[in-house]
Structure formats: structure tokens, C-alpha cells
Amino acid sequence: MLSLELQRLISRKNSDIIKVLELEKTYSNGYKAIDNLSFGVEQGQILCLLGVNGAGKTTCFEILTNHLPKTSGTVKIQGQQIPDFYKNSNQIGVCAQTNTLWKSLTLQQHLWIYAKIRGFKGQEAEQVIQYLLDALQLESYSQQKIAELSQGTQRKLCVALSVITAPKILFLDEPSTGVDPVGRAQIWELVNKVSKAKQCAIVLTTHYMQEAELIGDKLGILVNGTLQTIGSLVILRRFMLITQY
């Protein structure tokens, strides 16, 4: 029997920007990390995939971002299957779980490099960079080299780099891990603004229930690579209440 989410996705009327249909990932040692996973994300919607470490969140993330091949199933972004979508697209922002930064460069140099790569010039680049510095309160660290920064500050920079062009699709793998409560709130506010102002479709993985509740328009619970439930916050709370008894 097809899940309600899968039925919704295969409907002719469906217009989700991101579609994951019956996705599976089995490694060479036989371990199944993702099992029959189906979900979709609409334009301007934030989907939070909630689960403990080992639930399959990062495996799913790596498949979505074309860093890991799937075993079976279908993944489409804007109507194109992966990996074809990535051949000509510059509309994606990615914040991976690992901070991939140049240790010898300053925080501001990172922002300038990414702004230039994305096509910003002169005053426009300055405005975008200043906005991100202010939004995440990074101004006081702007001239420090990455090696001198805390993990939390590095994490906020990675989020800033992923949203620097307000992409149409944004993938965030546990973006607030290692960040203090104030910094987490800044990240949540920035992600929400990008989603709503630019109608960006976002997939965010997290193991923080508070993060899923505060930022997600739609939430899914992953357990051992299987999606246990997916829907609004009301549906999520109902599921958690039922499973307690």
C-alpha cells in the first residue's frame, strides 16, 4: 500500500520542487541506511528531517547533494533527476555536516570569494556580505583566520556561505550543531527569511526537537533509515504522543 506522502507526490497535480520517491541505499557490506524513503518539498517550504545519529539523515543528505549514489528509487529536483540536475544548475546552496573552510583565510575573505563566484560585484557584494555579517553577528570575527575561530562561529559561516545567493534550493545538514543558543536562533531566523522571501525549498536535517518545531513547515521523523511519519507539527506531536503509550 502506498503511503499518503507517496500518493501525493505521484499525483499529476503535484508541483513539489524536490521529490524523493521510494529511495533506498544499501552499502556493500549489506547495511541498509535508507529504506523506502518518500517525501517532497514545495516552493517556499522548510522540511525538517528529525532523527538521532545513525537514523539515516546524512546518508539522505549526501544522496540529495549528489555526493553519494542511491541504490534504488528516484530523486528529482525541479523535474530533473540526480545527477542530471547538477550538470547545469547554480541554484543550490549546501551546508554539509563538516565545515569545509580554508584555515589560513579570514572569515570575510570566505564571504568575498563566495560572493564573487556567485557573480556579485562591487557595492552589491558589499551589501550582501554586510547583511550576512549582521544577521549572524559575525562582524567582530570578520578579520580572524578560520583556524582562530570556534567551531560554532565556523558553523555560522558555513550557513552564511550556503545562502549567500538566496538559492532556490537549500540543503542544510545539522546546521546549528555546536552553535550556542543565541547563534542557533540567528541561524533559524536567517533560514526562515531566505525560505519565505525567496520562496526557497529547504531540506534541513537535525536531531534537535526544538529546531524542528521552530523552523519546520513540515517535519519527518527518521528511524533506522525509515520515515516513521511526515507532516505538519500537529501530526508530529500526535505521532509522538501515540508512540509514548
C-alpha atoms as a PDB file:
ATOM      1  CA  MET A   1       0.000   0.000   0.000  1.00  0.00           C
ATOM      2  CA  LEU A   2       1.377   3.405  -0.976  1.00  0.00           C
ATOM      3  CA  SER A   3       1.997   5.930   1.792  1.00  0.00           C
ATOM      4  CA  LEU A   4      -0.067   9.122   1.756  1.00  0.00           C
ATOM      5  CA  GLU A   5       3.077  11.129   1.005  1.00  0.00           C
ATOM      6  CA  LEU A   6       3.968   8.937  -1.965  1.00  0.00           C
ATOM      7  CA  GLN A   7       0.389   9.135  -3.266  1.00  0.00           C
ATOM      8  CA  ARG A   8       0.607  12.935  -3.046  1.00  0.00           C
ATOM      9  CA  LEU A   9       3.931  13.002  -4.894  1.00  0.00           C
ATOM     10  CA  ILE A  10       2.824  10.863  -7.846  1.00  0.00           C
ATOM     11  CA  SER A  11      -0.364  12.855  -8.362  1.00  0.00           C
ATOM     12  CA  ARG A  12      -0.478  14.750 -11.664  1.00  0.00           C
ATOM     13  CA  LYS A  13      -1.296  17.917  -9.751  1.00  0.00           C
ATOM     14  CA  ASN A  14       1.838  17.744  -7.608  1.00  0.00           C
ATOM     15  CA  SER A  15       4.325  20.579  -8.135  1.00  0.00           C
ATOM     16  CA  ASP A  16       6.906  19.961  -5.399  1.00  0.00           C
ATOM     17  CA  ILE A  17      10.368  21.264  -6.296  1.00  0.00           C
ATOM     18  CA  ILE A  18      12.086  18.353  -4.520  1.00  0.00           C
ATOM     19  CA  LYS A  19      10.703  14.832  -4.920  1.00  0.00           C
ATOM     20  CA  VAL A  20      12.168  11.725  -3.288  1.00  0.00           C
ATOM     21  CA  LEU A  21      10.353   8.539  -4.332  1.00  0.00           C
ATOM     22  CA  GLU A  22      10.951   5.127  -2.710  1.00  0.00           C
ATOM     23  CA  LEU A  23      14.627   5.905  -2.098  1.00  0.00           C
ATOM     24  CA  GLU A  24      16.890   3.146  -0.847  1.00  0.00           C
ATOM     25  CA  LYS A  25      20.587   2.976  -0.030  1.00  0.00           C
ATOM     26  CA  THR A  26      22.346  -0.281   0.794  1.00  0.00           C
ATOM     27  CA  TYR A  27      26.121  -0.312   1.310  1.00  0.00           C
ATOM     28  CA  SER A  28      28.465  -3.026   0.045  1.00  0.00           C
ATOM     29  CA  ASN A  29      28.526  -4.681   3.475  1.00  0.00           C
ATOM     30  CA  GLY A  30      24.755  -5.187   3.296  1.00  0.00           C
ATOM     31  CA  TYR A  31      23.809  -2.409   5.687  1.00  0.00           C
ATOM     32  CA  LYS A  32      20.608  -0.632   4.574  1.00  0.00           C
ATOM     33  CA  ALA A  33      20.935   3.024   5.590  1.00  0.00           C
ATOM     34  CA  ILE A  34      17.820   4.258   3.732  1.00  0.00           C
ATOM     35  CA  ASP A  35      14.718   2.096   3.332  1.00  0.00           C
ATOM     36  CA  ASN A  36      11.831   3.063   1.018  1.00  0.00           C
ATOM     37  CA  LEU A  37      12.021   6.792   1.758  1.00  0.00           C
ATOM     38  CA  SER A  38       9.495   9.138   0.090  1.00  0.00           C
ATOM     39  CA  PHE A  39       8.992  12.850   0.692  1.00  0.00           C
ATOM     40  CA  GLY A  40       8.532  16.104  -1.175  1.00  0.00           C
ATOM     41  CA  VAL A  41       9.242  19.791  -0.561  1.00  0.00           C
ATOM     42  CA  GLU A  42       7.199  22.610  -2.026  1.00  0.00           C
ATOM     43  CA  GLN A  43       8.441  26.033  -3.094  1.00  0.00           C
ATOM     44  CA  GLY A  44       8.896  28.237  -0.026  1.00  0.00           C
ATOM     45  CA  GLN A  45       8.688  25.284   2.368  1.00  0.00           C
ATOM     46  CA  ILE A  46      11.137  24.044   5.005  1.00  0.00           C
ATOM     47  CA  LEU A  47      11.216  20.288   5.590  1.00  0.00           C
ATOM     48  CA  CYS A  48      12.998  19.199   8.765  1.00  0.00           C
ATOM     49  CA  LEU A  49      14.173  15.593   8.883  1.00  0.00           C
ATOM     50  CA  LEU A  50      14.442  14.750  12.569  1.00  0.00           C
ATOM     51  CA  GLY A  51      16.363  11.794  13.944  1.00  0.00           C
ATOM     52  CA  VAL A  52      19.142  10.645  16.237  1.00  0.00           C
ATOM     53  CA  ASN A  53      22.665   9.985  14.984  1.00  0.00           C
ATOM     54  CA  GLY A  54      22.590   6.953  12.701  1.00  0.00           C
ATOM     55  CA  ALA A  55      18.983   7.450  11.649  1.00  0.00           C
ATOM     56  CA  GLY A  56      19.971   7.995   8.009  1.00  0.00           C
ATOM     57  CA  LYS A  57      19.776  11.789   7.816  1.00  0.00           C
ATOM     58  CA  THR A  58      23.282  12.381   6.476  1.00  0.00           C
ATOM     59  CA  THR A  59      23.051   9.471   4.002  1.00  0.00           C
ATOM     60  CA  CYS A  60      19.861  11.018   2.618  1.00  0.00           C
ATOM     61  CA  PHE A  61      21.558  14.436   2.530  1.00  0.00           C
ATOM     62  CA  GLU A  62      24.559  13.106   0.604  1.00  0.00           C
ATOM     63  CA  ILE A  63      22.311  11.476  -1.993  1.00  0.00           C
ATOM     64  CA  LEU A  64      20.305  14.699  -2.415  1.00  0.00           C
ATOM     65  CA  THR A  65      23.501  16.701  -2.913  1.00  0.00           C
ATOM     66  CA  ASN A  66      24.945  14.180  -5.414  1.00  0.00           C
ATOM     67  CA  HIS A  67      27.808  13.064  -3.159  1.00  0.00           C
ATOM     68  CA  LEU A  68      26.567   9.501  -2.783  1.00  0.00           C
ATOM     69  CA  PRO A  69      24.852   7.231  -5.332  1.00  0.00           C
ATOM     70  CA  LYS A  70      21.479   5.743  -4.446  1.00  0.00           C
ATOM     71  CA  THR A  71      20.773   2.020  -4.643  1.00  0.00           C
ATOM     72  CA  SER A  72      17.250   2.444  -5.981  1.00  0.00           C
ATOM     73  CA  GLY A  73      14.358   4.878  -6.132  1.00  0.00           C
ATOM     74  CA  THR A  74      14.006   8.293  -7.744  1.00  0.00           C
ATOM     75  CA  VAL A  75      15.227  11.733  -6.710  1.00  0.00           C
ATOM     76  CA  LYS A  76      14.070  14.741  -8.732  1.00  0.00           C
ATOM     77  CA  ILE A  77      14.865  18.410  -8.279  1.00  0.00           C
ATOM     78  CA  GLN A  78      12.894  20.875 -10.396  1.00  0.00           C
ATOM     79  CA  GLY A  79      11.751  17.958 -12.560  1.00  0.00           C
ATOM     80  CA  GLN A  80      15.260  16.672 -13.306  1.00  0.00           C
ATOM     81  CA  GLN A  81      16.741  13.524 -11.896  1.00  0.00           C
ATOM     82  CA  ILE A  82      20.003  13.483  -9.982  1.00  0.00           C
ATOM     83  CA  PRO A  83      22.749  13.657 -11.214  1.00  0.00           C
ATOM     84  CA  ASP A  84      21.467  15.373 -14.391  1.00  0.00           C
ATOM     85  CA  PHE A  85      20.153  18.345 -12.408  1.00  0.00           C
ATOM     86  CA  TYR A  86      23.624  19.221 -11.121  1.00  0.00           C
ATOM     87  CA  LYS A  87      25.203  19.468 -14.562  1.00  0.00           C
ATOM     88  CA  ASN A  88      23.772  22.908 -15.321  1.00  0.00           C
ATOM     89  CA  SER A  89      22.405  24.218 -12.028  1.00  0.00           C
ATOM     90  CA  ASN A  90      23.738  27.066  -9.931  1.00  0.00           C
ATOM     91  CA  GLN A  91      20.569  27.435  -7.877  1.00  0.00           C
ATOM     92  CA  ILE A  92      21.568  25.245  -4.938  1.00  0.00           C
ATOM     93  CA  GLY A  93      23.063  26.137  -1.581  1.00  0.00           C
ATOM     94  CA  VAL A  94      24.632  23.410   0.568  1.00  0.00           C
ATOM     95  CA  CYS A  95      25.785  23.357   4.181  1.00  0.00           C
ATOM     96  CA  ALA A  96      27.311  19.946   4.849  1.00  0.00           C
ATOM     97  CA  GLN A  97      27.840  18.449   8.295  1.00  0.00           C
ATOM     98  CA  THR A  98      31.589  19.042   8.070  1.00  0.00           C
ATOM     99  CA  ASN A  99      32.915  22.603   7.975  1.00  0.00           C
ATOM    100  CA  THR A 100      34.828  22.768   4.680  1.00  0.00           C
ATOM    101  CA  LEU A 101      36.778  26.004   5.091  1.00  0.00           C
ATOM    102  CA  TRP A 102      40.266  27.315   4.299  1.00  0.00           C
ATOM    103  CA  LYS A 103      42.068  27.520   7.650  1.00  0.00           C
ATOM    104  CA  SER A 104      44.526  30.228   6.550  1.00  0.00           C
ATOM    105  CA  LEU A 105      41.883  32.630   5.184  1.00  0.00           C
ATOM    106  CA  THR A 106      39.765  35.043   7.203  1.00  0.00           C
ATOM    107  CA  LEU A 107      36.023  34.805   7.672  1.00  0.00           C
ATOM    108  CA  GLN A 108      35.447  37.861   5.470  1.00  0.00           C
ATOM    109  CA  GLN A 109      37.714  36.522   2.723  1.00  0.00           C
ATOM    110  CA  HIS A 110      35.488  33.437   2.540  1.00  0.00           C
ATOM    111  CA  LEU A 111      32.414  35.599   2.072  1.00  0.00           C
ATOM    112  CA  TRP A 112      34.131  37.665  -0.643  1.00  0.00           C
ATOM    113  CA  ILE A 113      35.283  34.566  -2.536  1.00  0.00           C
ATOM    114  CA  TYR A 114      31.810  33.026  -2.497  1.00  0.00           C
ATOM    115  CA  ALA A 115      30.183  36.322  -3.442  1.00  0.00           C
ATOM    116  CA  LYS A 116      32.495  36.674  -6.448  1.00  0.00           C
ATOM    117  CA  ILE A 117      31.955  33.068  -7.534  1.00  0.00           C
ATOM    118  CA  ARG A 118      28.206  33.673  -7.412  1.00  0.00           C
ATOM    119  CA  GLY A 119      28.504  36.771  -9.565  1.00  0.00           C
ATOM    120  CA  PHE A 120      28.180  39.635  -7.085  1.00  0.00           C
ATOM    121  CA  LYS A 121      30.238  42.722  -7.879  1.00  0.00           C
ATOM    122  CA  GLY A 122      31.272  45.924  -6.119  1.00  0.00           C
ATOM    123  CA  GLN A 123      28.660  47.507  -3.892  1.00  0.00           C
ATOM    124  CA  GLU A 124      26.212  44.644  -4.369  1.00  0.00           C
ATOM    125  CA  ALA A 125      28.775  42.196  -2.968  1.00  0.00           C
ATOM    126  CA  GLU A 126      29.487  44.516  -0.043  1.00  0.00           C
ATOM    127  CA  GLN A 127      25.796  44.769   0.797  1.00  0.00           C
ATOM    128  CA  VAL A 128      25.232  41.009   0.716  1.00  0.00           C
ATOM    129  CA  ILE A 129      28.290  40.346   2.864  1.00  0.00           C
ATOM    130  CA  GLN A 130      27.356  43.015   5.392  1.00  0.00           C
ATOM    131  CA  TYR A 131      23.825  41.642   5.626  1.00  0.00           C
ATOM    132  CA  LEU A 132      25.141  38.161   6.484  1.00  0.00           C
ATOM    133  CA  LEU A 133      27.688  39.528   8.963  1.00  0.00           C
ATOM    134  CA  ASP A 134      24.898  41.400  10.743  1.00  0.00           C
ATOM    135  CA  ALA A 135      22.322  38.600  10.577  1.00  0.00           C
ATOM    136  CA  LEU A 136      24.658  36.073  12.215  1.00  0.00           C
ATOM    137  CA  GLN A 137      26.610  38.612  14.328  1.00  0.00           C
ATOM    138  CA  LEU A 138      29.922  37.737  12.688  1.00  0.00           C
ATOM    139  CA  GLU A 139      31.277  41.261  12.251  1.00  0.00           C
ATOM    140  CA  SER A 140      33.664  41.056  15.219  1.00  0.00           C
ATOM    141  CA  TYR A 141      35.224  37.875  13.779  1.00  0.00           C
ATOM    142  CA  SER A 142      35.451  39.028  10.158  1.00  0.00           C
ATOM    143  CA  GLN A 143      39.217  39.618  10.133  1.00  0.00           C
ATOM    144  CA  GLN A 144      40.127  36.463  12.034  1.00  0.00           C
ATOM    145  CA  LYS A 145      41.504  33.400  10.275  1.00  0.00           C
ATOM    146  CA  ILE A 146      39.367  30.261  10.323  1.00  0.00           C
ATOM    147  CA  ALA A 147      41.936  28.414  12.461  1.00  0.00           C
ATOM    148  CA  GLU A 148      41.364  31.021  15.190  1.00  0.00           C
ATOM    149  CA  LEU A 149      37.572  30.672  15.262  1.00  0.00           C
ATOM    150  CA  SER A 150      35.415  28.436  17.441  1.00  0.00           C
ATOM    151  CA  GLN A 151      33.511  25.561  15.867  1.00  0.00           C
ATOM    152  CA  GLY A 152      30.265  27.416  16.470  1.00  0.00           C
ATOM    153  CA  THR A 153      31.467  30.510  14.592  1.00  0.00           C
ATOM    154  CA  GLN A 154      32.773  28.348  11.757  1.00  0.00           C
ATOM    155  CA  ARG A 155      29.367  26.680  11.595  1.00  0.00           C
ATOM    156  CA  LYS A 156      27.589  30.010  11.276  1.00  0.00           C
ATOM    157  CA  LEU A 157      29.960  30.975   8.465  1.00  0.00           C
ATOM    158  CA  CYS A 158      29.135  27.740   6.603  1.00  0.00           C
ATOM    159  CA  VAL A 159      25.436  28.605   6.835  1.00  0.00           C
ATOM    160  CA  ALA A 160      26.154  32.122   5.537  1.00  0.00           C
ATOM    161  CA  LEU A 161      28.096  30.715   2.575  1.00  0.00           C
ATOM    162  CA  SER A 162      25.242  28.358   1.688  1.00  0.00           C
ATOM    163  CA  VAL A 163      22.660  31.156   1.498  1.00  0.00           C
ATOM    164  CA  ILE A 164      24.837  33.897   0.014  1.00  0.00           C
ATOM    165  CA  THR A 165      22.872  33.993  -3.251  1.00  0.00           C
ATOM    166  CA  ALA A 166      19.456  33.153  -1.794  1.00  0.00           C
ATOM    167  CA  PRO A 167      19.294  29.892  -3.801  1.00  0.00           C
ATOM    168  CA  LYS A 168      16.065  28.271  -4.965  1.00  0.00           C
ATOM    169  CA  ILE A 169      17.023  25.005  -3.265  1.00  0.00           C
ATOM    170  CA  LEU A 170      18.905  24.780   0.028  1.00  0.00           C
ATOM    171  CA  PHE A 171      20.236  21.685   1.800  1.00  0.00           C
ATOM    172  CA  LEU A 172      21.383  22.043   5.420  1.00  0.00           C
ATOM    173  CA  ASP A 173      22.838  19.073   7.328  1.00  0.00           C
ATOM    174  CA  GLU A 174      22.566  19.767  11.078  1.00  0.00           C
ATOM    175  CA  PRO A 175      23.451  23.452  10.546  1.00  0.00           C
ATOM    176  CA  SER A 176      23.297  24.505  14.209  1.00  0.00           C
ATOM    177  CA  THR A 177      25.346  21.684  15.741  1.00  0.00           C
ATOM    178  CA  GLY A 178      27.984  23.141  18.058  1.00  0.00           C
ATOM    179  CA  VAL A 179      26.390  26.601  17.998  1.00  0.00           C
ATOM    180  CA  ASP A 180      25.274  28.334  21.214  1.00  0.00           C
ATOM    181  CA  PRO A 181      21.541  29.035  21.783  1.00  0.00           C
ATOM    182  CA  VAL A 182      21.785  32.666  20.604  1.00  0.00           C
ATOM    183  CA  GLY A 183      23.613  31.613  17.454  1.00  0.00           C
ATOM    184  CA  ARG A 184      21.038  28.900  16.761  1.00  0.00           C
ATOM    185  CA  ALA A 185      18.247  31.459  16.920  1.00  0.00           C
ATOM    186  CA  GLN A 186      20.158  33.661  14.439  1.00  0.00           C
ATOM    187  CA  ILE A 187      20.533  30.723  12.040  1.00  0.00           C
ATOM    188  CA  TRP A 188      16.828  29.836  12.311  1.00  0.00           C
ATOM    189  CA  GLU A 189      15.789  33.418  11.612  1.00  0.00           C
ATOM    190  CA  LEU A 190      18.096  33.685   8.587  1.00  0.00           C
ATOM    191  CA  VAL A 191      16.917  30.371   7.098  1.00  0.00           C
ATOM    192  CA  ASN A 192      13.287  31.365   7.595  1.00  0.00           C
ATOM    193  CA  LYS A 193      13.856  34.698   5.850  1.00  0.00           C
ATOM    194  CA  VAL A 194      15.545  33.025   2.875  1.00  0.00           C
ATOM    195  CA  SER A 195      12.737  30.489   2.589  1.00  0.00           C
ATOM    196  CA  LYS A 196       9.904  32.979   2.703  1.00  0.00           C
ATOM    197  CA  ALA A 197      11.443  35.983   0.912  1.00  0.00           C
ATOM    198  CA  LYS A 198      12.961  33.975  -1.949  1.00  0.00           C
ATOM    199  CA  GLN A 199      10.445  31.090  -1.972  1.00  0.00           C
ATOM    200  CA  CYS A 200      13.314  28.661  -1.434  1.00  0.00           C
ATOM    201  CA  ALA A 201      12.671  24.935  -0.924  1.00  0.00           C
ATOM    202  CA  ILE A 202      14.744  23.742   2.029  1.00  0.00           C
ATOM    203  CA  VAL A 203      15.670  20.347   3.465  1.00  0.00           C
ATOM    204  CA  LEU A 204      17.198  20.641   6.932  1.00  0.00           C
ATOM    205  CA  THR A 205      18.370  17.653   8.968  1.00  0.00           C
ATOM    206  CA  THR A 206      18.521  17.919  12.744  1.00  0.00           C
ATOM    207  CA  HIS A 207      18.490  15.950  15.979  1.00  0.00           C
ATOM    208  CA  TYR A 208      17.110  18.939  17.907  1.00  0.00           C
ATOM    209  CA  MET A 209      13.370  18.701  18.518  1.00  0.00           C
ATOM    210  CA  GLN A 210      13.244  22.440  19.282  1.00  0.00           C
ATOM    211  CA  GLU A 211      14.851  23.253  15.951  1.00  0.00           C
ATOM    212  CA  ALA A 212      12.356  21.095  14.048  1.00  0.00           C
ATOM    213  CA  GLU A 213       9.422  22.682  15.896  1.00  0.00           C
ATOM    214  CA  LEU A 214      10.536  26.284  15.464  1.00  0.00           C
ATOM    215  CA  ILE A 215      11.749  26.267  11.872  1.00  0.00           C
ATOM    216  CA  GLY A 216       9.951  23.445  10.066  1.00  0.00           C
ATOM    217  CA  ASP A 217       6.811  23.912   7.972  1.00  0.00           C
ATOM    218  CA  LYS A 218       6.827  20.152   7.523  1.00  0.00           C
ATOM    219  CA  LEU A 219       8.548  17.539   9.657  1.00  0.00           C
ATOM    220  CA  GLY A 220       9.620  13.958   9.150  1.00  0.00           C
ATOM    221  CA  ILE A 221      10.925  11.503  11.742  1.00  0.00           C
ATOM    222  CA  LEU A 222      13.631   9.111  10.558  1.00  0.00           C
ATOM    223  CA  VAL A 223      14.306   5.889  12.468  1.00  0.00           C
ATOM    224  CA  ASN A 224      16.820   3.363  11.119  1.00  0.00           C
ATOM    225  CA  GLY A 225      16.535   4.789   7.618  1.00  0.00           C
ATOM    226  CA  THR A 226      12.743   4.614   7.557  1.00  0.00           C
ATOM    227  CA  LEU A 227      10.382   7.580   7.604  1.00  0.00           C
ATOM    228  CA  GLN A 228       8.066   6.907  10.533  1.00  0.00           C
ATOM    229  CA  THR A 229       5.797   9.912   9.978  1.00  0.00           C
ATOM    230  CA  ILE A 230       5.738  13.113   7.951  1.00  0.00           C
ATOM    231  CA  GLY A 231       3.528  16.172   8.011  1.00  0.00           C
ATOM    232  CA  SER A 232       2.794  19.306   9.998  1.00  0.00           C
ATOM    233  CA  LEU A 233       3.832  19.959  13.594  1.00  0.00           C
ATOM    234  CA  VAL A 234       0.348  18.852  14.720  1.00  0.00           C
ATOM    235  CA  ILE A 235       0.806  15.472  13.025  1.00  0.00           C
ATOM    236  CA  LEU A 236       4.294  15.106  14.509  1.00  0.00           C
ATOM    237  CA  ARG A 237       3.069  15.784  18.058  1.00  0.00           C
ATOM    238  CA  ARG A 238       0.175  13.360  17.614  1.00  0.00           C
ATOM    239  CA  PHE A 239       2.593  10.656  16.444  1.00  0.00           C
ATOM    240  CA  MET A 240       4.931  11.225  19.389  1.00  0.00           C
ATOM    241  CA  LEU A 241       2.009  11.148  21.843  1.00  0.00           C
ATOM    242  CA  ILE A 242       0.737   7.854  20.423  1.00  0.00           C
ATOM    243  CA  THR A 243       4.177   6.196  20.491  1.00  0.00           C
ATOM    244  CA  GLN A 244       4.600   7.031  24.176  1.00  0.00           C
ATOM    245  CA  TYR A 245       1.775   4.630  25.112  1.00  0.00           C
END
